[in-house]
Amino acid sequence: MPNRPAVFFDRDGTLMEEVDYCNDPADVRAIAGAAAGLARLRAAGWMTIIITNQSGLSSGKITQVQYEAVNAELGRQLDGLIDAVYFCPDAPANPTHRRKPGTGMLDEATIDHGIDLARSWMVGDKDIDILCGCKAGCRTILVETGYGKNHLSAGADFIAPDATAAIEIVLGQMTH
């Protein structure tokens, strides 16, 4: 369906508990209530997409196999309710346009899925997530999980205790 709205989520610290360079599926803990919230978003016509920086890949702290295993476990815990995952392995010192706060991953998702960024949201726990969403023309929500409490001044449209509360904000603000 062309011009669909999406909710873009950061992964670590947003949809799952923060684990520094998570490389073991046994350490994955989805945020409580996130799967039920994602189901409600999908039922309301939203796409759900993960947008994640994964510099551990370029620094050797995570292998591609480990990254994929962690994603698979998170997907299982979220009942398969994520429509797509985009990741960027760039190191912070050598960022491309894809690494948040760059909008490259959102731009790719927009092309791949016919997303209307003006009706979409970016949810994350860091200032770079909020800046990425703002630069892409999305509304933004900073969650207080992960590193969120250190980024309360990031300029988000809303601040929520966690991803479940962020989903409730999106559903309450529906304009599509």
Protein backbone atom coordinates (compact mmCIF):
# COMPACT_ATOMS: atom_id res chain seq x y z
CA MET A 1 0.00 0.00 0.00
CA PRO A 2 1.70 3.25 -1.06
CA ASN A 3 2.21 6.10 1.40
CA ARG A 4 1.71 4.05 4.52
CA PRO A 5 2.69 5.49 7.88
CA ALA A 6 5.33 3.69 9.91
CA VAL A 7 6.67 3.70 13.42
CA PHE A 8 10.45 3.40 13.32
CA PHE A 9 11.98 2.00 16.48
CA ASP A 10 15.55 1.98 17.67
CA ARG A 11 16.39 -1.55 18.87
CA ASP A 12 18.74 -1.56 21.87
CA GLY A 13 17.34 0.26 24.88
CA THR A 14 14.06 0.90 23.08
CA LEU A 15 12.39 -2.37 21.99
CA MET A 16 14.74 -4.48 24.08
CA GLU A 17 16.57 -3.87 27.32
CA GLU A 18 19.98 -2.26 26.82
CA VAL A 19 22.83 -4.76 26.69
CA ASP A 20 26.17 -3.25 25.68
CA TYR A 21 27.01 -4.76 22.27
CA CYS A 22 24.48 -7.56 22.69
CA ASN A 23 25.88 -10.66 20.99
CA ASP A 24 23.99 -13.46 22.76
CA PRO A 25 20.30 -14.22 22.16
CA ALA A 26 20.06 -15.38 25.79
CA ASP A 27 20.57 -11.74 26.85
CA VAL A 28 17.63 -10.41 24.79
CA ARG A 29 14.71 -9.12 26.86
CA ALA A 30 11.94 -7.39 24.93
CA ILE A 31 10.38 -4.43 26.70
CA ALA A 32 7.32 -5.63 28.64
CA GLY A 33 4.12 -5.14 26.67
CA ALA A 34 5.91 -4.22 23.43
CA ALA A 35 4.55 -7.19 21.45
CA ALA A 36 0.95 -6.37 22.37
CA GLY A 37 1.56 -2.73 21.48
CA LEU A 38 3.07 -3.66 18.12
CA ALA A 39 0.02 -5.81 17.39
CA ARG A 40 -2.21 -2.81 18.07
CA LEU A 41 -0.11 -0.61 15.78
CA ARG A 42 -0.26 -3.15 12.96
CA ALA A 43 -4.03 -3.56 13.42
CA ALA A 44 -4.36 0.23 13.07
CA GLY A 45 -2.47 0.17 9.75
CA TRP A 46 1.04 1.13 10.83
CA MET A 47 4.22 -0.54 9.62
CA THR A 48 6.72 -1.34 12.38
CA ILE A 49 10.38 -1.03 11.43
CA ILE A 50 13.60 -1.28 13.43
CA ILE A 51 16.33 1.27 12.60
CA THR A 52 19.52 0.41 14.47
CA ASN A 53 23.15 1.49 14.53
CA GLN A 54 25.35 -1.55 15.11
CA SER A 55 28.93 -0.30 15.29
CA GLY A 56 29.86 -3.49 17.15
CA LEU A 57 29.92 -5.16 13.74
CA SER A 58 32.65 -2.89 12.37
CA SER A 59 34.62 -2.91 15.63
CA GLY A 60 34.59 -6.72 15.90
CA LYS A 61 32.57 -6.78 19.14
CA ILE A 62 29.72 -8.61 17.36
CA THR A 63 29.79 -10.98 14.41
CA GLN A 64 27.16 -10.92 11.67
CA VAL A 65 25.93 -14.32 12.87
CA GLN A 66 25.58 -13.04 16.45
CA TYR A 67 23.77 -9.89 15.25
CA GLU A 68 21.31 -12.01 13.25
CA ALA A 69 20.76 -14.39 16.18
CA VAL A 70 19.99 -11.48 18.53
CA ASN A 71 17.56 -10.01 15.97
CA ALA A 72 15.89 -13.37 15.50
CA GLU A 73 15.37 -13.77 19.25
CA LEU A 74 13.98 -10.25 19.58
CA GLY A 75 11.66 -10.97 16.64
CA ARG A 76 10.48 -14.14 18.37
CA GLN A 77 9.82 -12.27 21.63
CA LEU A 78 7.92 -9.62 19.67
CA ASP A 79 5.72 -12.28 18.05
CA GLY A 80 7.11 -11.57 14.57
CA LEU A 81 5.43 -8.14 14.53
CA ILE A 82 8.35 -6.23 13.03
CA ASP A 83 7.89 -5.60 9.30
CA ALA A 84 11.53 -4.81 8.50
CA VAL A 85 14.92 -4.23 10.13
CA TYR A 86 17.57 -1.82 8.84
CA PHE A 87 20.99 -1.70 10.46
CA CYS A 88 24.15 0.31 9.97
CA PRO A 89 27.53 -1.16 10.97
CA ASP A 90 29.40 2.15 10.61
CA ALA A 91 31.72 3.19 13.40
CA PRO A 92 30.88 6.54 15.01
CA ALA A 93 34.23 7.92 13.79
CA ASN A 94 33.44 7.03 10.15
CA PRO A 95 29.71 7.56 9.70
CA THR A 96 27.92 7.44 6.40
CA HIS A 97 24.49 8.95 5.69
CA ARG A 98 23.01 5.63 6.89
CA ARG A 99 24.28 5.91 10.47
CA LYS A 100 21.84 7.71 12.76
CA PRO A 101 21.47 10.67 13.08
CA GLY A 102 21.73 10.37 9.29
CA THR A 103 18.46 9.46 7.61
CA GLY A 104 19.75 6.85 5.17
CA MET A 105 18.05 3.86 6.78
CA LEU A 106 14.71 5.70 6.95
CA ASP A 107 15.16 6.80 3.34
CA GLU A 108 15.74 3.17 2.29
CA ALA A 109 12.69 1.97 4.23
CA THR A 110 10.60 4.72 2.64
CA ILE A 111 11.55 3.57 -0.85
CA ASP A 112 11.24 -0.14 -0.03
CA HIS A 113 7.82 0.12 1.63
CA GLY A 114 6.15 3.27 0.26
CA ILE A 115 6.20 5.05 3.62
CA ASP A 116 4.90 8.55 4.21
CA LEU A 117 7.51 10.05 6.54
CA ALA A 118 5.32 13.05 7.38
CA ARG A 119 2.79 10.68 8.98
CA SER A 120 5.45 8.49 10.61
CA TRP A 121 7.19 8.40 13.98
CA MET A 122 10.72 7.67 15.23
CA VAL A 123 11.00 6.18 18.73
CA GLY A 124 14.35 5.85 20.46
CA ASP A 125 16.41 6.28 23.61
CA LYS A 126 19.14 8.63 22.34
CA ASP A 127 19.44 12.11 20.93
CA ILE A 128 20.66 10.63 17.62
CA ASP A 129 17.35 8.75 17.27
CA ILE A 130 15.38 11.95 17.82
CA LEU A 131 17.60 13.97 15.48
CA CYS A 132 17.29 11.27 12.80
CA GLY A 133 13.49 11.36 13.05
CA CYS A 134 13.40 15.15 12.98
CA LYS A 135 15.69 15.34 9.94
CA ALA A 136 13.49 12.80 8.14
CA GLY A 137 10.33 14.78 8.90
CA CYS A 138 8.86 12.31 11.42
CA ARG A 139 7.32 13.05 14.80
CA THR A 140 9.52 11.77 17.60
CA ILE A 141 9.27 10.07 20.98
CA LEU A 142 12.17 9.63 23.39
CA VAL A 143 11.79 6.63 25.70
CA GLU A 144 13.31 6.72 29.17
CA THR A 145 14.56 3.13 28.95
CA GLY A 146 18.10 2.37 27.81
CA TYR A 147 20.01 5.66 27.70
CA GLY A 148 16.85 7.77 27.49
CA LYS A 149 17.11 9.44 30.89
CA ASN A 150 20.45 10.91 29.76
CA HIS A 151 18.85 12.42 26.64
CA LEU A 152 15.70 14.09 27.97
CA SER A 153 16.72 17.40 26.37
CA ALA A 154 17.00 15.86 22.88
CA GLY A 155 14.00 17.86 21.64
CA ALA A 156 11.56 14.99 21.12
CA ASP A 157 7.91 15.77 20.48
CA PHE A 158 7.03 13.44 23.38
CA ILE A 159 8.82 11.62 26.19
CA ALA A 160 7.51 8.22 27.29
CA PRO A 161 8.56 5.83 30.06
CA ASP A 162 9.03 2.97 27.56
CA ALA A 163 8.16 1.69 24.09
CA THR A 164 4.75 0.46 25.23
CA ALA A 165 3.82 3.96 26.42
CA ALA A 166 5.28 5.41 23.20
CA ILE A 167 2.97 3.18 21.17
CA GLU A 168 0.01 4.47 23.17
CA ILE A 169 1.07 8.04 22.30
CA VAL A 170 1.22 7.17 18.59
CA LEU A 171 -2.19 5.51 18.70
CA GLY A 172 -3.61 8.49 20.59
CA GLN A 173 -2.24 10.94 18.02
CA MET A 174 -3.35 9.03 14.92
CA THR A 175 -3.64 11.27 11.88
CA HIS A 176 -3.81 8.64 9.17
